[in-house]
Protein backbone atom coordinates (compact mmCIF):
# COMPACT_ATOMS: atom_id res chain seq x y z
CA UNK A 1 7.73 -10.60 -14.00
CA UNK A 2 4.35 -11.14 -15.72
CA UNK A 3 0.86 -10.03 -14.81
CA UNK A 4 -0.05 -13.08 -12.92
CA UNK A 5 3.39 -13.23 -10.79
CA UNK A 6 2.52 -9.70 -9.92
CA UNK A 7 -0.85 -10.55 -8.74
CA UNK A 8 0.27 -13.39 -6.92
CA UNK A 9 3.04 -11.64 -5.08
CA UNK A 10 0.67 -8.86 -4.13
CA UNK A 11 -1.97 -11.32 -2.63
CA UNK A 12 0.80 -13.16 -0.86
CA UNK A 13 1.83 -9.76 0.66
CA UNK A 14 -1.75 -9.00 1.68
CA UNK A 15 -2.12 -12.18 3.73
CA UNK A 16 -0.28 -10.28 6.68
CA UNK A 17 -1.76 -7.13 5.97
CA UNK A 18 -4.43 -5.49 8.15
CA UNK A 19 -7.78 -6.57 6.77
CA UNK A 20 -9.15 -2.83 6.72
CA UNK A 21 -6.15 -2.04 4.72
CA UNK A 22 -7.31 -3.55 1.39
CA UNK A 23 -9.89 -5.44 -0.37
CA UNK A 24 -7.74 -8.41 -0.71
CA UNK A 25 -6.61 -8.67 2.83
CA UNK A 26 -10.30 -8.25 3.89
CA UNK A 27 -11.33 -11.41 1.59
CA UNK A 28 -8.20 -13.36 2.78
CA UNK A 29 -9.48 -12.55 6.45
CA UNK A 30 -12.83 -14.31 5.72
CA UNK A 31 -10.96 -17.54 5.30
CA UNK A 32 -10.48 -20.27 2.65
CA UNK A 33 -13.97 -21.17 2.27
CA UNK A 34 -15.29 -17.73 1.75
CA UNK A 35 -12.45 -17.13 -0.71
CA UNK A 36 -13.51 -20.32 -2.57
CA UNK A 37 -17.21 -19.08 -2.66
CA UNK A 38 -16.21 -15.82 -3.90
CA UNK A 39 -14.46 -17.52 -6.88
CA UNK A 40 -17.34 -19.71 -7.43
CA UNK A 41 -19.36 -16.43 -7.82
CA UNK A 42 -16.90 -14.90 -10.35
CA UNK A 43 -16.81 -18.07 -12.16
CA UNK A 44 -20.71 -18.16 -12.56
CA UNK A 45 -20.53 -14.39 -14.00
CA UNK A 46 -17.76 -15.30 -16.47
CA UNK A 47 -20.19 -18.25 -17.53
CA UNK A 48 -23.13 -16.06 -17.85
CA UNK A 49 -20.70 -13.50 -19.90
CA UNK A 50 -19.57 -16.21 -22.42
CA UNK A 51 -22.82 -17.61 -23.04
CA UNK A 52 -24.20 -14.40 -23.69
CA UNK A 53 -21.39 -13.47 -25.90
CA UNK A 54 -20.89 -10.27 -23.81
CA UNK A 55 -17.29 -9.76 -24.59
CA UNK A 56 -16.70 -6.60 -22.59
CA UNK A 57 -17.96 -8.24 -19.52
CA UNK A 58 -16.32 -11.65 -20.44
CA UNK A 59 -12.97 -9.60 -20.30
CA UNK A 60 -13.90 -8.14 -16.78
CA UNK A 61 -15.01 -11.38 -15.58
CA UNK A 62 -12.33 -13.53 -16.76
CA UNK A 63 -9.82 -10.97 -14.86
CA UNK A 64 -12.14 -11.29 -11.97
CA UNK A 65 -11.69 -15.24 -12.16
CA UNK A 66 -7.67 -15.06 -12.42
CA UNK A 67 -7.82 -12.55 -9.15
CA UNK A 68 -10.17 -14.78 -7.11
CA UNK A 69 -8.47 -18.11 -8.04
CA UNK A 70 -5.28 -16.38 -6.99
CA UNK A 71 -6.82 -15.47 -3.78
CA UNK A 72 -8.43 -18.85 -3.37
CA UNK A 73 -5.08 -20.68 -3.97
CA UNK A 74 -3.19 -18.05 -1.61
CA UNK A 75 -5.94 -18.79 1.02
CA UNK A 76 -4.70 -22.44 1.03
CA UNK A 77 -1.05 -21.53 0.67
CA UNK A 78 -0.86 -22.86 -3.04
CA UNK A 79 1.41 -20.85 -5.40
CA UNK A 80 0.68 -20.18 -8.97
CA UNK A 81 4.00 -21.72 -9.75
CA UNK A 82 2.76 -25.15 -8.51
CA UNK A 83 -0.28 -24.75 -10.89
CA UNK A 84 1.57 -23.79 -13.79
CA UNK A 85 4.48 -26.35 -13.33
CA UNK A 86 3.89 -27.90 -16.74
CA UNK A 87 3.30 -24.65 -18.55
CA UNK A 88 6.09 -22.05 -18.86
CA UNK A 89 3.35 -19.36 -19.01
CA UNK A 90 -0.24 -18.85 -19.21
CA UNK A 91 0.37 -16.71 -22.38
CA UNK A 92 2.04 -20.13 -23.82
CA UNK A 93 -1.07 -21.94 -23.01
CA UNK A 94 -3.20 -19.39 -24.53
CA UNK A 95 -1.20 -19.24 -27.91
CA UNK A 96 -1.24 -23.22 -28.04
CA UNK A 97 -5.00 -23.24 -27.65
CA UNK A 98 -5.46 -20.36 -30.22
CA UNK A 99 -3.19 -22.61 -32.65
CA UNK A 100 -5.63 -25.64 -31.86
CA UNK A 101 -8.74 -23.42 -33.30
CA UNK A 102 -7.60 -24.49 -36.81
CA UNK A 103 -6.71 -28.16 -35.85
CA UNK A 104 -8.38 -31.22 -37.01
CA UNK A 105 -11.00 -32.04 -33.85
CA UNK A 106 -9.81 -35.97 -34.20
CA UNK A 107 -6.33 -34.94 -33.61
CA UNK A 108 -6.68 -32.44 -30.83
CA UNK A 109 -8.89 -32.58 -27.34
CA UNK A 110 -8.61 -28.69 -27.44
CA UNK A 111 -9.70 -28.72 -31.14
CA UNK A 112 -12.50 -30.96 -30.36
CA UNK A 113 -13.79 -29.03 -27.59
CA UNK A 114 -13.67 -25.88 -29.40
CA UNK A 115 -15.54 -27.64 -32.23
CA UNK A 116 -18.37 -28.17 -29.80
CA UNK A 117 -18.86 -24.39 -29.44
CA UNK A 118 -18.69 -21.57 -26.88
CA UNK A 119 -21.55 -23.00 -24.56
CA UNK A 120 -19.77 -26.46 -24.10
CA UNK A 121 -16.48 -24.47 -23.43
CA UNK A 122 -18.21 -22.56 -20.81
CA UNK A 123 -19.81 -25.57 -19.38
CA UNK A 124 -16.44 -27.44 -18.92
CA UNK A 125 -14.96 -24.16 -17.46
CA UNK A 126 -17.81 -24.38 -14.84
CA UNK A 127 -17.19 -28.16 -14.20
CA UNK A 128 -13.64 -27.46 -13.51
CA UNK A 129 -14.34 -24.41 -11.24
CA UNK A 130 -16.72 -26.49 -9.10
CA UNK A 131 -14.03 -28.93 -8.77
CA UNK A 132 -11.35 -26.55 -7.83
CA UNK A 133 -13.61 -25.10 -5.16
CA UNK A 134 -14.70 -28.56 -3.74
CA UNK A 135 -10.68 -29.23 -3.57
CA UNK A 136 -10.17 -25.88 -1.68
CA UNK A 137 -12.93 -26.41 0.67
CA UNK A 138 -11.85 -29.95 1.51
CA UNK A 139 -8.32 -28.55 2.01
CA UNK A 140 -6.89 -31.08 -0.63
CA UNK A 141 -3.85 -29.47 -1.77
CA UNK A 142 -2.88 -31.90 -4.55
CA UNK A 143 -6.32 -31.86 -6.02
CA UNK A 144 -6.53 -28.21 -5.70
CA UNK A 145 -3.14 -27.77 -7.67
CA UNK A 146 -4.58 -30.16 -10.50
CA UNK A 147 -8.00 -28.61 -10.59
CA UNK A 148 -6.69 -24.99 -10.70
CA UNK A 149 -4.47 -25.93 -13.71
CA UNK A 150 -7.80 -27.32 -15.28
CA UNK A 151 -9.45 -24.04 -14.44
CA UNK A 152 -6.90 -22.11 -16.50
CA UNK A 153 -6.82 -24.21 -19.39
CA UNK A 154 -10.82 -24.21 -19.57
CA UNK A 155 -10.82 -20.28 -18.85
CA UNK A 156 -8.36 -20.02 -21.76
CA UNK A 157 -10.50 -22.29 -23.93
CA UNK A 158 -13.50 -20.59 -23.06
CA UNK A 159 -12.14 -17.10 -23.83
CA UNK A 160 -10.74 -18.52 -27.17
CA UNK A 161 -14.25 -19.95 -28.13
CA UNK A 162 -15.29 -16.37 -27.92
CA UNK A 163 -12.32 -14.97 -29.74
CA UNK A 164 -11.07 -12.94 -26.60
CA UNK A 165 -7.33 -12.84 -26.28
CA UNK A 166 -5.95 -13.54 -22.90
CA UNK A 167 -3.74 -10.56 -23.74
CA UNK A 168 -6.95 -8.42 -23.29
CA UNK A 169 -7.74 -10.14 -19.78
CA UNK A 170 -4.06 -9.20 -18.87
CA UNK A 171 -4.50 -5.75 -19.83
CA UNK A 172 -7.25 -5.59 -17.63
CA UNK A 173 -5.47 -6.98 -14.76
CA UNK A 174 -2.56 -4.68 -15.54
CA UNK A 175 -5.13 -1.70 -15.70
CA UNK A 176 -6.40 -2.47 -12.21
CA UNK A 177 -2.92 -3.00 -10.46
CA UNK A 178 -2.58 -0.43 -7.76
CA UNK A 179 -6.20 0.33 -7.67
CA UNK A 180 -8.23 -0.41 -4.83
CA UNK A 181 -10.68 -3.23 -5.37
CA UNK A 182 -13.41 -1.03 -3.73
CA UNK A 183 -12.78 1.68 -6.08
CA UNK A 184 -12.36 -0.52 -9.19
CA UNK A 185 -15.72 -2.20 -8.60
CA UNK A 186 -17.26 1.13 -7.90
CA UNK A 187 -15.73 2.45 -11.41
CA UNK A 188 -17.56 -0.13 -13.60
CA UNK A 189 -20.74 0.20 -15.48
CA UNK A 190 -23.86 -1.24 -14.26
């Protein structure tokens, strides 16, 4: 089982947990709209880190984006399997995007986007994050699945534009597994 599958299963299990038992259970108890709002806050933080070229913060914020996206989806009973239906794994997507970095922009949408630079990649990620939030708040399941897939794609492109490997973000998520969300946030610098 990969990191995102483990994360998704952990979050799913927290849906029925006492809100005082974990950060995730507490967040889920606030409802789908609040989960969407929190995802949006984390997306903005990731965009800022990407635009500032703050690599360490970008890794942390990308991990937060993946966590909060998964929580937002769970709050609307959407699974990552539905979102990743056309991609074997997020890692496969990341490898494909990495290969497109050296492709001719006239032959690949991804290469064209990467050629426009990190700021444009961050802008596109932000647009898709907003689209996913709107779908979640409207409880538009089909659109939420599609927009969440776009969020994952554009997050991965944004990371590639800053030469941040998805493996770094997954390692950060792995490091956080089994750690209280409250304790994890307190352990960060700044």
